[in-house]
Amino acid sequence: MPDKVDLKRTLDAYAAKRGEVRLLDVPPTRYLMVDGHGDPNASPAFAQAIEALYPVAYKAKFASKKELGRDYVVMPLEGLWTADDPASFTTRRDKSAWDWTLMVMTPDWVDDALVESAIAAAGAKDAPARLDDVRLETLAEGRCVQTLHVGSFDDEGPVLARIHDEFIPANGLRMTGRHHEIYLSDFRKVAPERLRTILRQPVEPA
């Protein structure tokens, strides 16, 4: 039996500590993705995106193990977030204004053909509503700032303000790209005060 690889334990991009903001370089990474807009708590499309991503992610994992002899732990849900006004994330928290892309990281040895087969297998019976929206794409973020937030998503504002308004300008940087969250906890099962979320912001020299 092949050893099962847990990439979130081996990749530096998934390392973060509470209270520590750090700079890192994130290599180009492949993800299964689905796009959407609006309040994640109120939009059916948000739940439907998750329901489409994970069947494909698991079909790809099983195919990798069977066909390639390479087994791995399916990675946690991640999200890219944007809004016309950055204050929608910090002081105003206007979730209705958010655009989002939900993602599951896919190992680089899982190629396009295997993912296409995984999508077809996920749709063979009781296909998820948004299965046709699932795509495989490479995200190149480069230099980033990140930290670990522990607690409710609604309590992220002060942490993001510290990153956006203090750390980034103090280091001669400016924001570029989309706000990125990595959900180390399953928010459907874990109490809000115990949620562990990596907060990441791509940056470039100011």
N, C-alpha and C. Protein backbone atom coordinates (compact mmCIF):
# COMPACT_ATOMS: atom_id res chain seq x y z
N MET A 1 0.84 -1.20 0.00
CA MET A 1 0.00 0.00 0.00
C MET A 1 0.88 1.25 0.00
N PRO A 2 0.56 2.24 -0.81
CA PRO A 2 1.37 3.47 -0.83
C PRO A 2 1.18 4.28 0.45
N ASP A 3 2.24 4.98 0.86
CA ASP A 3 2.13 5.88 2.01
C ASP A 3 1.20 7.03 1.65
N LYS A 4 0.40 7.45 2.63
CA LYS A 4 -0.51 8.57 2.41
C LYS A 4 0.19 9.86 2.79
N VAL A 5 0.25 10.81 1.84
CA VAL A 5 0.92 12.09 2.06
C VAL A 5 -0.10 13.12 2.55
N ASP A 6 0.26 13.86 3.60
CA ASP A 6 -0.58 14.96 4.09
C ASP A 6 0.17 16.25 3.80
N LEU A 7 -0.17 16.89 2.68
CA LEU A 7 0.60 18.05 2.22
C LEU A 7 0.46 19.25 3.14
N LYS A 8 -0.63 19.36 3.87
CA LYS A 8 -0.76 20.53 4.75
C LYS A 8 0.21 20.45 5.92
N ARG A 9 0.79 19.26 6.15
CA ARG A 9 1.79 19.10 7.21
C ARG A 9 3.22 19.26 6.69
N THR A 10 3.38 19.26 5.37
CA THR A 10 4.73 19.31 4.81
C THR A 10 5.03 20.59 4.04
N LEU A 11 4.01 21.27 3.54
CA LEU A 11 4.22 22.48 2.74
C LEU A 11 4.26 23.72 3.63
N ASP A 12 5.26 24.58 3.40
CA ASP A 12 5.39 25.79 4.20
C ASP A 12 4.18 26.72 4.04
N ALA A 13 3.52 26.67 2.90
CA ALA A 13 2.37 27.54 2.65
C ALA A 13 1.20 27.25 3.60
N TYR A 14 1.23 26.11 4.28
CA TYR A 14 0.15 25.76 5.22
C TYR A 14 0.60 25.86 6.67
N ALA A 15 1.73 26.55 6.90
CA ALA A 15 2.23 26.77 8.26
C ALA A 15 1.91 28.19 8.70
N ALA A 16 1.31 28.32 9.87
CA ALA A 16 0.99 29.64 10.42
C ALA A 16 0.79 29.52 11.91
N LYS A 17 1.12 30.59 12.63
CA LYS A 17 0.96 30.62 14.07
C LYS A 17 0.07 31.79 14.48
N ARG A 18 -0.73 31.56 15.48
CA ARG A 18 -1.59 32.63 16.00
C ARG A 18 -0.73 33.75 16.57
N GLY A 19 -1.04 34.97 16.21
CA GLY A 19 -0.31 36.13 16.72
C GLY A 19 0.97 36.44 15.97
N GLU A 20 1.35 35.61 15.02
CA GLU A 20 2.56 35.83 14.23
C GLU A 20 2.19 36.13 12.79
N VAL A 21 2.58 37.29 12.30
CA VAL A 21 2.38 37.65 10.89
C VAL A 21 3.73 37.48 10.21
N ARG A 22 3.75 36.75 9.12
CA ARG A 22 5.03 36.50 8.45
C ARG A 22 4.91 36.62 6.95
N LEU A 23 6.07 36.85 6.32
CA LEU A 23 6.18 36.87 4.87
C LEU A 23 6.64 35.51 4.38
N LEU A 24 6.11 35.08 3.25
CA LEU A 24 6.54 33.83 2.64
C LEU A 24 6.32 33.91 1.14
N ASP A 25 6.99 33.02 0.43
CA ASP A 25 6.83 32.92 -1.02
C ASP A 25 6.07 31.64 -1.32
N VAL A 26 4.90 31.79 -1.93
CA VAL A 26 4.03 30.66 -2.23
C VAL A 26 4.22 30.27 -3.69
N PRO A 27 4.60 29.02 -3.96
CA PRO A 27 4.80 28.61 -5.36
C PRO A 27 3.47 28.46 -6.08
N PRO A 28 3.47 28.48 -7.41
CA PRO A 28 2.24 28.21 -8.15
C PRO A 28 1.61 26.89 -7.70
N THR A 29 0.32 26.92 -7.45
CA THR A 29 -0.38 25.78 -6.86
C THR A 29 -1.66 25.51 -7.63
N ARG A 30 -1.97 24.24 -7.82
CA ARG A 30 -3.16 23.85 -8.59
C ARG A 30 -4.33 23.60 -7.65
N TYR A 31 -5.49 24.09 -8.06
CA TYR A 31 -6.70 23.96 -7.25
C TYR A 31 -7.89 23.56 -8.11
N LEU A 32 -8.79 22.80 -7.52
CA LEU A 32 -10.16 22.71 -8.00
C LEU A 32 -10.86 23.98 -7.53
N MET A 33 -11.63 24.64 -8.42
CA MET A 33 -12.23 25.94 -8.09
C MET A 33 -13.68 26.02 -8.52
N VAL A 34 -14.46 26.79 -7.75
CA VAL A 34 -15.82 27.19 -8.13
C VAL A 34 -16.03 28.63 -7.67
N ASP A 35 -16.59 29.49 -8.53
CA ASP A 35 -16.79 30.91 -8.23
C ASP A 35 -18.20 31.18 -7.72
N GLY A 36 -18.33 32.35 -7.02
CA GLY A 36 -19.65 32.78 -6.59
C GLY A 36 -19.61 34.20 -6.07
N HIS A 37 -20.76 34.68 -5.59
CA HIS A 37 -20.90 36.05 -5.10
C HIS A 37 -21.90 36.08 -3.96
N GLY A 38 -21.64 36.98 -2.99
CA GLY A 38 -22.62 37.25 -1.94
C GLY A 38 -22.28 36.63 -0.60
N ASP A 39 -23.16 36.86 0.35
CA ASP A 39 -23.00 36.40 1.73
C ASP A 39 -22.94 34.87 1.75
N PRO A 40 -21.83 34.29 2.22
CA PRO A 40 -21.74 32.83 2.24
C PRO A 40 -22.76 32.17 3.15
N ASN A 41 -23.27 32.94 4.13
CA ASN A 41 -24.27 32.37 5.04
C ASN A 41 -25.67 32.39 4.45
N ALA A 42 -25.87 33.16 3.39
CA ALA A 42 -27.20 33.33 2.83
C ALA A 42 -27.33 32.81 1.40
N SER A 43 -26.20 32.57 0.74
CA SER A 43 -26.23 32.19 -0.67
C SER A 43 -26.25 30.67 -0.83
N PRO A 44 -27.28 30.09 -1.45
CA PRO A 44 -27.26 28.64 -1.72
C PRO A 44 -26.07 28.23 -2.57
N ALA A 45 -25.59 29.16 -3.41
CA ALA A 45 -24.48 28.84 -4.30
C ALA A 45 -23.22 28.48 -3.52
N PHE A 46 -23.04 29.05 -2.33
CA PHE A 46 -21.85 28.76 -1.53
C PHE A 46 -21.84 27.30 -1.09
N ALA A 47 -22.95 26.85 -0.52
CA ALA A 47 -23.05 25.45 -0.10
C ALA A 47 -22.97 24.52 -1.31
N GLN A 48 -23.57 24.93 -2.41
CA GLN A 48 -23.53 24.11 -3.62
C GLN A 48 -22.12 23.99 -4.18
N ALA A 49 -21.33 25.04 -4.02
CA ALA A 49 -19.93 24.98 -4.47
C ALA A 49 -19.16 23.93 -3.69
N ILE A 50 -19.34 23.90 -2.37
CA ILE A 50 -18.69 22.89 -1.54
C ILE A 50 -19.16 21.50 -1.93
N GLU A 51 -20.45 21.36 -2.16
CA GLU A 51 -21.03 20.06 -2.52
C GLU A 51 -20.53 19.56 -3.87
N ALA A 52 -20.06 20.48 -4.72
CA ALA A 52 -19.49 20.08 -6.01
C ALA A 52 -18.00 19.78 -5.91
N LEU A 53 -17.28 20.54 -5.11
CA LEU A 53 -15.83 20.40 -5.04
C LEU A 53 -15.40 19.08 -4.42
N TYR A 54 -16.02 18.70 -3.30
CA TYR A 54 -15.48 17.56 -2.56
C TYR A 54 -15.69 16.22 -3.23
N PRO A 55 -16.82 15.95 -3.90
CA PRO A 55 -16.89 14.69 -4.64
C PRO A 55 -15.80 14.56 -5.70
N VAL A 56 -15.49 15.67 -6.38
CA VAL A 56 -14.42 15.64 -7.37
C VAL A 56 -13.06 15.42 -6.69
N ALA A 57 -12.83 16.11 -5.58
CA ALA A 57 -11.56 15.97 -4.87
C ALA A 57 -11.34 14.53 -4.42
N TYR A 58 -12.38 13.88 -3.92
CA TYR A 58 -12.22 12.51 -3.45
C TYR A 58 -12.11 11.52 -4.61
N LYS A 59 -12.83 11.75 -5.70
CA LYS A 59 -12.68 10.89 -6.87
C LYS A 59 -11.26 10.99 -7.41
N ALA A 60 -10.69 12.19 -7.41
CA ALA A 60 -9.31 12.38 -7.87
C ALA A 60 -8.33 11.67 -6.95
N LYS A 61 -8.55 11.76 -5.65
CA LYS A 61 -7.68 11.08 -4.68
C LYS A 61 -7.70 9.58 -4.90
N PHE A 62 -8.90 9.00 -5.05
CA PHE A 62 -9.01 7.55 -5.22
C PHE A 62 -8.36 7.10 -6.54
N ALA A 63 -8.52 7.91 -7.58
CA ALA A 63 -7.91 7.58 -8.86
C ALA A 63 -6.39 7.67 -8.77
N SER A 64 -5.88 8.67 -8.05
CA SER A 64 -4.43 8.81 -7.87
C SER A 64 -3.87 7.58 -7.16
N LYS A 65 -4.56 7.12 -6.14
CA LYS A 65 -4.10 5.95 -5.39
C LYS A 65 -4.14 4.69 -6.27
N LYS A 66 -5.22 4.51 -7.02
CA LYS A 66 -5.40 3.30 -7.82
C LYS A 66 -4.53 3.30 -9.07
N GLU A 67 -4.51 4.42 -9.79
CA GLU A 67 -3.84 4.45 -11.09
C GLU A 67 -2.37 4.83 -11.01
N LEU A 68 -2.04 5.69 -10.03
CA LEU A 68 -0.67 6.21 -9.94
C LEU A 68 0.10 5.66 -8.75
N GLY A 69 -0.60 4.98 -7.84
CA GLY A 69 0.06 4.47 -6.64
C GLY A 69 0.48 5.56 -5.68
N ARG A 70 -0.21 6.71 -5.74
CA ARG A 70 0.13 7.85 -4.87
C ARG A 70 -1.12 8.28 -4.11
N ASP A 71 -1.10 8.04 -2.81
CA ASP A 71 -2.25 8.37 -1.98
C ASP A 71 -1.96 9.65 -1.20
N TYR A 72 -3.01 10.41 -0.91
CA TYR A 72 -2.83 11.66 -0.18
C TYR A 72 -4.11 12.01 0.56
N VAL A 73 -3.96 12.85 1.58
CA VAL A 73 -5.09 13.37 2.33
C VAL A 73 -5.72 14.50 1.54
N VAL A 74 -7.03 14.45 1.33
CA VAL A 74 -7.72 15.55 0.64
C VAL A 74 -7.53 16.82 1.45
N MET A 75 -7.17 17.88 0.77
CA MET A 75 -6.81 19.13 1.44
C MET A 75 -8.04 19.89 1.92
N PRO A 76 -7.84 20.82 2.87
CA PRO A 76 -8.98 21.58 3.41
C PRO A 76 -9.55 22.56 2.40
N LEU A 77 -10.76 22.99 2.65
CA LEU A 77 -11.40 24.02 1.84
C LEU A 77 -10.62 25.33 1.97
N GLU A 78 -10.53 26.07 0.85
CA GLU A 78 -9.91 27.38 0.85
C GLU A 78 -10.82 28.35 0.10
N GLY A 79 -10.61 29.64 0.32
CA GLY A 79 -11.42 30.62 -0.37
C GLY A 79 -10.62 31.85 -0.74
N LEU A 80 -10.87 32.38 -1.94
CA LEU A 80 -10.37 33.69 -2.35
C LEU A 80 -11.53 34.66 -2.28
N TRP A 81 -11.25 35.86 -1.75
CA TRP A 81 -12.32 36.82 -1.50
C TRP A 81 -11.92 38.19 -2.02
N THR A 82 -12.87 38.89 -2.66
CA THR A 82 -12.64 40.26 -3.10
C THR A 82 -13.92 41.07 -2.91
N ALA A 83 -13.73 42.39 -2.85
CA ALA A 83 -14.85 43.33 -2.82
C ALA A 83 -14.33 44.66 -3.34
N ASP A 84 -15.23 45.45 -3.92
CA ASP A 84 -14.81 46.75 -4.45
C ASP A 84 -14.23 47.64 -3.36
N ASP A 85 -14.77 47.53 -2.15
CA ASP A 85 -14.30 48.31 -1.01
C ASP A 85 -13.66 47.38 0.00
N PRO A 86 -12.33 47.47 0.24
CA PRO A 86 -11.67 46.59 1.21
C PRO A 86 -12.27 46.66 2.61
N ALA A 87 -12.92 47.79 2.94
CA ALA A 87 -13.55 47.90 4.25
C ALA A 87 -14.68 46.90 4.43
N SER A 88 -15.16 46.32 3.34
CA SER A 88 -16.18 45.28 3.43
C SER A 88 -15.68 44.07 4.21
N PHE A 89 -14.34 43.92 4.29
CA PHE A 89 -13.77 42.81 5.03
C PHE A 89 -13.35 43.19 6.45
N THR A 90 -13.10 44.47 6.69
CA THR A 90 -12.53 44.88 7.97
C THR A 90 -13.53 45.60 8.86
N THR A 91 -13.85 46.84 8.53
CA THR A 91 -14.70 47.62 9.44
C THR A 91 -16.18 47.44 9.17
N ARG A 92 -16.59 47.32 7.90
CA ARG A 92 -18.02 47.23 7.59
C ARG A 92 -18.53 45.80 7.55
N ARG A 93 -17.66 44.85 7.18
CA ARG A 93 -18.05 43.43 7.10
C ARG A 93 -19.35 43.25 6.31
N ASP A 94 -19.40 43.88 5.14
CA ASP A 94 -20.59 43.79 4.29
C ASP A 94 -20.47 42.54 3.41
N LYS A 95 -20.99 41.43 3.89
CA LYS A 95 -20.80 40.15 3.21
C LYS A 95 -21.55 40.08 1.88
N SER A 96 -22.59 40.87 1.73
CA SER A 96 -23.34 40.84 0.48
C SER A 96 -22.52 41.36 -0.69
N ALA A 97 -21.43 42.09 -0.39
CA ALA A 97 -20.60 42.68 -1.44
C ALA A 97 -19.44 41.79 -1.85
N TRP A 98 -19.32 40.63 -1.25
CA TRP A 98 -18.15 39.78 -1.47
C TRP A 98 -18.28 38.92 -2.73
N ASP A 99 -17.20 38.85 -3.50
CA ASP A 99 -17.03 37.85 -4.55
C ASP A 99 -16.09 36.78 -4.00
N TRP A 100 -16.36 35.53 -4.31
CA TRP A 100 -15.54 34.47 -3.75
C TRP A 100 -15.27 33.36 -4.76
N THR A 101 -14.17 32.67 -4.52
CA THR A 101 -13.83 31.46 -5.25
C THR A 101 -13.46 30.41 -4.21
N LEU A 102 -14.23 29.34 -4.12
CA LEU A 102 -13.90 28.25 -3.21
C LEU A 102 -12.98 27.27 -3.93
N MET A 103 -12.06 26.66 -3.15
CA MET A 103 -10.99 25.87 -3.76
C MET A 103 -10.61 24.69 -2.88
N VAL A 104 -10.10 23.65 -3.53
CA VAL A 104 -9.43 22.54 -2.84
C VAL A 104 -8.12 22.29 -3.58
N MET A 105 -7.01 22.39 -2.86
CA MET A 105 -5.69 22.21 -3.46
C MET A 105 -5.54 20.77 -3.97
N THR A 106 -4.90 20.64 -5.15
CA THR A 106 -4.71 19.35 -5.79
C THR A 106 -3.23 19.13 -6.04
N PRO A 107 -2.67 17.98 -5.65
CA PRO A 107 -1.23 17.74 -5.86
C PRO A 107 -0.84 17.89 -7.32
N ASP A 108 0.42 18.29 -7.54
CA ASP A 108 0.84 18.60 -8.90
C ASP A 108 0.94 17.36 -9.79
N TRP A 109 0.96 16.16 -9.20
CA TRP A 109 1.00 14.96 -10.03
C TRP A 109 -0.39 14.54 -10.54
N VAL A 110 -1.44 15.19 -10.05
CA VAL A 110 -2.79 14.93 -10.53
C VAL A 110 -3.02 15.81 -11.76
N ASP A 111 -3.05 15.21 -12.94
CA ASP A 111 -3.09 16.00 -14.17
C ASP A 111 -4.53 16.29 -14.61
N ASP A 112 -4.62 17.05 -15.68
CA ASP A 112 -5.93 17.47 -16.18
C ASP A 112 -6.83 16.29 -16.54
N ALA A 113 -6.24 15.28 -17.16
CA ALA A 113 -7.03 14.12 -17.59
C ALA A 113 -7.63 13.39 -16.39
N LEU A 114 -6.84 13.26 -15.33
CA LEU A 114 -7.36 12.58 -14.15
C LEU A 114 -8.49 13.39 -13.53
N VAL A 115 -8.35 14.71 -13.50
CA VAL A 115 -9.41 15.55 -12.94
C VAL A 115 -10.67 15.47 -13.81
N GLU A 116 -10.50 15.48 -15.11
CA GLU A 116 -11.67 15.34 -15.99
C GLU A 116 -12.40 14.04 -15.73
N SER A 117 -11.65 12.96 -15.52
CA SER A 117 -12.26 11.68 -15.20
C SER A 117 -12.96 11.73 -13.84
N ALA A 118 -12.36 12.45 -12.88
CA ALA A 118 -12.96 12.58 -11.55
C ALA A 118 -14.27 13.35 -11.62
N ILE A 119 -14.32 14.40 -12.45
CA ILE A 119 -15.56 15.16 -12.62
C ILE A 119 -16.64 14.28 -13.22
N ALA A 120 -16.26 13.50 -14.23
CA ALA A 120 -17.23 12.60 -14.86
C ALA A 120 -17.73 11.56 -13.86
N ALA A 121 -16.84 11.02 -13.04
CA ALA A 121 -17.24 10.03 -12.05
C ALA A 121 -18.16 10.63 -10.99
N ALA A 122 -17.88 11.89 -10.60
CA ALA A 122 -18.73 12.55 -9.60
C ALA A 122 -20.12 12.82 -10.13
N GLY A 123 -20.25 12.92 -11.44
CA GLY A 123 -21.55 13.19 -12.05
C GLY A 123 -22.28 11.96 -12.54
N ALA A 124 -21.69 10.79 -12.32
CA ALA A 124 -22.30 9.57 -12.84
C ALA A 124 -23.63 9.26 -12.18
N LYS A 125 -23.79 9.67 -10.92
CA LYS A 125 -25.04 9.42 -10.19
C LYS A 125 -25.27 10.58 -9.23
N ASP A 126 -26.48 11.14 -9.27
CA ASP A 126 -26.83 12.26 -8.38
C ASP A 126 -25.79 13.38 -8.48
N ALA A 127 -25.59 13.89 -9.66
CA ALA A 127 -24.58 14.92 -9.89
C ALA A 127 -24.87 16.16 -9.06
N PRO A 128 -23.86 16.73 -8.38
CA PRO A 128 -24.05 17.97 -7.64
C PRO A 128 -24.51 19.10 -8.56
N ALA A 129 -25.28 20.03 -8.00
CA ALA A 129 -25.89 21.10 -8.80
C ALA A 129 -24.85 21.93 -9.55
N ARG A 130 -23.69 22.16 -8.96
CA ARG A 130 -22.69 23.03 -9.58
C ARG A 130 -21.48 22.26 -10.11
N LEU A 131 -21.67 20.99 -10.41
CA LEU A 131 -20.55 20.19 -10.89
C LEU A 131 -19.94 20.77 -12.17
N ASP A 132 -20.78 21.30 -13.06
CA ASP A 132 -20.27 21.84 -14.32
C ASP A 132 -19.43 23.10 -14.12
N ASP A 133 -19.49 23.69 -12.93
CA ASP A 133 -18.71 24.89 -12.64
C ASP A 133 -17.32 24.59 -12.09
N VAL A 134 -17.06 23.33 -11.77
CA VAL A 134 -15.75 22.96 -11.21
C VAL A 134 -14.69 23.01 -12.31
N ARG A 135 -13.58 23.65 -12.01
CA ARG A 135 -12.46 23.71 -12.96
C ARG A 135 -11.16 23.50 -12.20
N LEU A 136 -10.12 23.14 -12.93
CA LEU A 136 -8.77 23.01 -12.38
C LEU A 136 -7.95 24.18 -12.89
N GLU A 137 -7.34 24.92 -11.96
CA GLU A 137 -6.60 26.12 -12.35
C GLU A 137 -5.37 26.28 -11.47
N THR A 138 -4.32 26.85 -12.03
CA THR A 138 -3.11 27.16 -11.26
C THR A 138 -3.19 28.58 -10.73
N LEU A 139 -2.94 28.73 -9.43
CA LEU A 139 -2.93 30.04 -8.78
C LEU A 139 -1.49 30.39 -8.43
N ALA A 140 -1.00 31.51 -8.95
CA ALA A 140 0.36 31.97 -8.69
C ALA A 140 0.29 33.21 -7.80
N GLU A 141 0.53 33.07 -6.52
CA GLU A 141 0.43 34.18 -5.56
C GLU A 141 1.76 34.84 -5.27
N GLY A 142 2.85 34.09 -5.28
CA GLY A 142 4.15 34.67 -5.02
C GLY A 142 4.33 35.11 -3.58
N ARG A 143 4.88 36.32 -3.40
CA ARG A 143 5.13 36.84 -2.05
C ARG A 143 3.80 37.14 -1.35
N CYS A 144 3.66 36.63 -0.12
CA CYS A 144 2.41 36.77 0.64
C CYS A 144 2.70 37.07 2.09
N VAL A 145 1.71 37.62 2.75
CA VAL A 145 1.70 37.80 4.19
C VAL A 145 0.63 36.88 4.74
N GLN A 146 0.92 36.16 5.84
CA GLN A 146 -0.13 35.32 6.40
C GLN A 146 0.03 35.15 7.90
N THR A 147 -1.09 34.78 8.52
CA THR A 147 -1.14 34.50 9.95
C THR A 147 -2.25 33.49 10.21
N LEU A 148 -2.33 33.01 11.44
CA LEU A 148 -3.39 32.10 11.84
C LEU A 148 -4.38 32.85 12.72
N HIS A 149 -5.65 32.79 12.33
CA HIS A 149 -6.73 33.36 13.15
C HIS A 149 -7.46 32.22 13.83
N VAL A 150 -7.66 32.34 15.14
CA VAL A 150 -8.44 31.36 15.89
C VAL A 150 -9.69 32.05 16.40
N GLY A 151 -10.86 31.57 15.99
CA GLY A 151 -12.11 32.18 16.41
C GLY A 151 -13.08 32.31 15.26
N SER A 152 -14.15 33.02 15.53
CA SER A 152 -15.21 33.21 14.55
C SER A 152 -14.73 33.99 13.34
N PHE A 153 -15.32 33.69 12.19
CA PHE A 153 -15.01 34.47 10.99
C PHE A 153 -15.37 35.94 11.19
N ASP A 154 -16.41 36.21 11.96
CA ASP A 154 -16.82 37.59 12.19
C ASP A 154 -15.84 38.38 13.04
N ASP A 155 -14.89 37.68 13.67
CA ASP A 155 -13.87 38.34 14.48
C ASP A 155 -12.56 38.54 13.72
N GLU A 156 -12.56 38.28 12.43
CA GLU A 156 -11.34 38.44 11.64
C GLU A 156 -10.97 39.91 11.39
N GLY A 157 -11.96 40.81 11.46
CA GLY A 157 -11.74 42.20 11.09
C GLY A 157 -10.50 42.84 11.69
N PRO A 158 -10.30 42.80 13.03
CA PRO A 158 -9.12 43.43 13.62
C PRO A 158 -7.81 42.79 13.16
N VAL A 159 -7.82 41.48 12.94
CA VAL A 159 -6.61 40.80 12.46
C VAL A 159 -6.27 41.27 11.05
N LEU A 160 -7.29 41.36 10.20
CA LEU A 160 -7.07 41.83 8.83
C LEU A 160 -6.63 43.29 8.81
N ALA A 161 -7.21 44.09 9.69
CA ALA A 161 -6.81 45.50 9.76
C ALA A 161 -5.34 45.62 10.15
N ARG A 162 -4.90 44.77 11.07
CA ARG A 162 -3.49 44.79 11.48
C ARG A 162 -2.59 44.45 10.29
N ILE A 163 -3.00 43.47 9.49
CA ILE A 163 -2.21 43.07 8.33
C ILE A 163 -2.23 44.17 7.27
N HIS A 164 -3.44 44.66 6.94
CA HIS A 164 -3.60 45.62 5.85
C HIS A 164 -3.01 46.99 6.19
N ASP A 165 -3.29 47.46 7.41
CA ASP A 165 -2.98 48.85 7.75
C ASP A 165 -1.66 49.02 8.49
N GLU A 166 -1.12 47.96 9.05
CA GLU A 166 0.12 48.06 9.83
C GLU A 166 1.26 47.27 9.21
N PHE A 167 1.14 45.96 9.16
CA PHE A 167 2.26 45.13 8.74
C PHE A 167 2.68 45.40 7.30
N ILE A 168 1.72 45.43 6.40
CA ILE A 168 2.05 45.57 4.97
C ILE A 168 2.72 46.90 4.68
N PRO A 169 2.16 48.06 5.07
CA PRO A 169 2.87 49.32 4.79
C PRO A 169 4.17 49.45 5.56
N ALA A 170 4.25 48.90 6.77
CA ALA A 170 5.47 48.98 7.56
C ALA A 170 6.63 48.24 6.91
N ASN A 171 6.30 47.29 6.05
CA ASN A 171 7.34 46.52 5.36
C ASN A 171 7.52 46.95 3.91
N GLY A 172 7.02 48.17 3.58
CA GLY A 172 7.23 48.71 2.25
C GLY A 172 6.50 47.93 1.16
N LEU A 173 5.32 47.40 1.51
CA LEU A 173 4.58 46.56 0.58
C LEU A 173 3.20 47.15 0.32
N ARG A 174 2.53 46.62 -0.67
CA ARG A 174 1.13 46.94 -0.92
C ARG A 174 0.40 45.65 -1.32
N MET A 175 -0.89 45.65 -1.13
CA MET A 175 -1.68 44.47 -1.42
C MET A 175 -1.85 44.28 -2.92
N THR A 176 -1.82 43.04 -3.34
CA THR A 176 -2.13 42.68 -4.72
C THR A 176 -2.79 41.32 -4.68
N GLY A 177 -3.57 41.00 -5.68
CA GLY A 177 -4.24 39.70 -5.65
C GLY A 177 -5.40 39.70 -4.67
N ARG A 178 -5.91 38.52 -4.37
CA ARG A 178 -7.13 38.37 -3.60
C ARG A 178 -6.84 37.85 -2.19
N HIS A 179 -7.63 38.34 -1.23
CA HIS A 179 -7.57 37.83 0.13
C HIS A 179 -7.85 36.33 0.11
N HIS A 180 -7.01 35.56 0.82
CA HIS A 180 -7.04 34.10 0.74
C HIS A 180 -7.22 33.54 2.15
N GLU A 181 -8.17 32.64 2.31
CA GLU A 181 -8.40 31.97 3.59
C GLU A 181 -8.29 30.46 3.40
N ILE A 182 -7.66 29.81 4.38
CA ILE A 182 -7.52 28.35 4.39
C ILE A 182 -8.20 27.84 5.65
N TYR A 183 -9.23 27.04 5.48
CA TYR A 183 -10.08 26.63 6.60
C TYR A 183 -9.56 25.30 7.16
N LEU A 184 -8.68 25.42 8.16
CA LEU A 184 -8.11 24.22 8.77
C LEU A 184 -9.14 23.46 9.58
N SER A 185 -10.21 24.13 10.00
CA SER A 185 -11.30 23.50 10.73
C SER A 185 -12.52 23.38 9.82
N ASP A 186 -13.32 22.36 10.05
CA ASP A 186 -14.58 22.20 9.32
C ASP A 186 -15.63 23.07 10.01
N PHE A 187 -15.98 24.21 9.39
CA PHE A 187 -16.88 25.16 10.05
C PHE A 187 -18.31 24.64 10.15
N ARG A 188 -18.58 23.49 9.53
CA ARG A 188 -19.90 22.86 9.70
C ARG A 188 -19.97 22.05 10.99
N LYS A 189 -18.82 21.77 11.61
CA LYS A 189 -18.78 20.89 12.77
C LYS A 189 -18.12 21.51 14.00
N VAL A 190 -17.26 22.51 13.80
CA VAL A 190 -16.47 23.07 14.90
C VAL A 190 -17.11 24.37 15.40
N ALA A 191 -17.12 24.55 16.73
CA ALA A 191 -17.68 25.77 17.34
C ALA A 191 -16.93 26.99 16.83
N PRO A 192 -17.63 28.12 16.60
CA PRO A 192 -16.98 29.30 16.02
C PRO A 192 -15.73 29.74 16.77
N GLU A 193 -15.75 29.68 18.10
CA GLU A 193 -14.60 30.18 18.86
C GLU A 193 -13.36 29.28 18.73
N ARG A 194 -13.53 28.10 18.15
CA ARG A 194 -12.41 27.17 18.00
C ARG A 194 -11.94 27.03 16.55
N LEU A 195 -12.53 27.76 15.65
CA LEU A 195 -12.15 27.68 14.24
C LEU A 195 -10.71 28.16 14.04
N ARG A 196 -9.96 27.43 13.22
CA ARG A 196 -8.57 27.77 12.89
C ARG A 196 -8.51 28.07 11.40
N THR A 197 -8.15 29.32 11.07
CA THR A 197 -8.17 29.78 9.69
C THR A 197 -6.88 30.51 9.36
N ILE A 198 -6.19 30.08 8.33
CA ILE A 198 -5.03 30.83 7.85
C ILE A 198 -5.53 31.99 6.99
N LEU A 199 -5.07 33.19 7.31
CA LEU A 199 -5.40 34.39 6.54
C LEU A 199 -4.17 34.80 5.74
N ARG A 200 -4.33 34.91 4.43
CA ARG A 200 -3.19 35.20 3.54
C ARG A 200 -3.53 36.37 2.62
N GLN A 201 -2.54 37.24 2.40
CA GLN A 201 -2.71 38.35 1.46
C GLN A 201 -1.48 38.46 0.57
N PRO A 202 -1.63 38.25 -0.74
CA PRO A 202 -0.51 38.50 -1.65
C PRO A 202 -0.09 39.97 -1.63
N VAL A 203 1.21 40.21 -1.79
CA VAL A 203 1.74 41.58 -1.72
C VAL A 203 2.83 41.76 -2.77
N GLU A 204 3.19 43.02 -2.98
CA GLU A 204 4.31 43.38 -3.86
C GLU A 204 4.95 44.64 -3.30
N PRO A 205 6.16 44.97 -3.75
CA PRO A 205 6.79 46.22 -3.27
C PRO A 205 5.92 47.43 -3.58
N ALA A 206 5.83 48.34 -2.62
CA ALA A 206 5.01 49.54 -2.81
C ALA A 206 5.67 50.50 -3.79
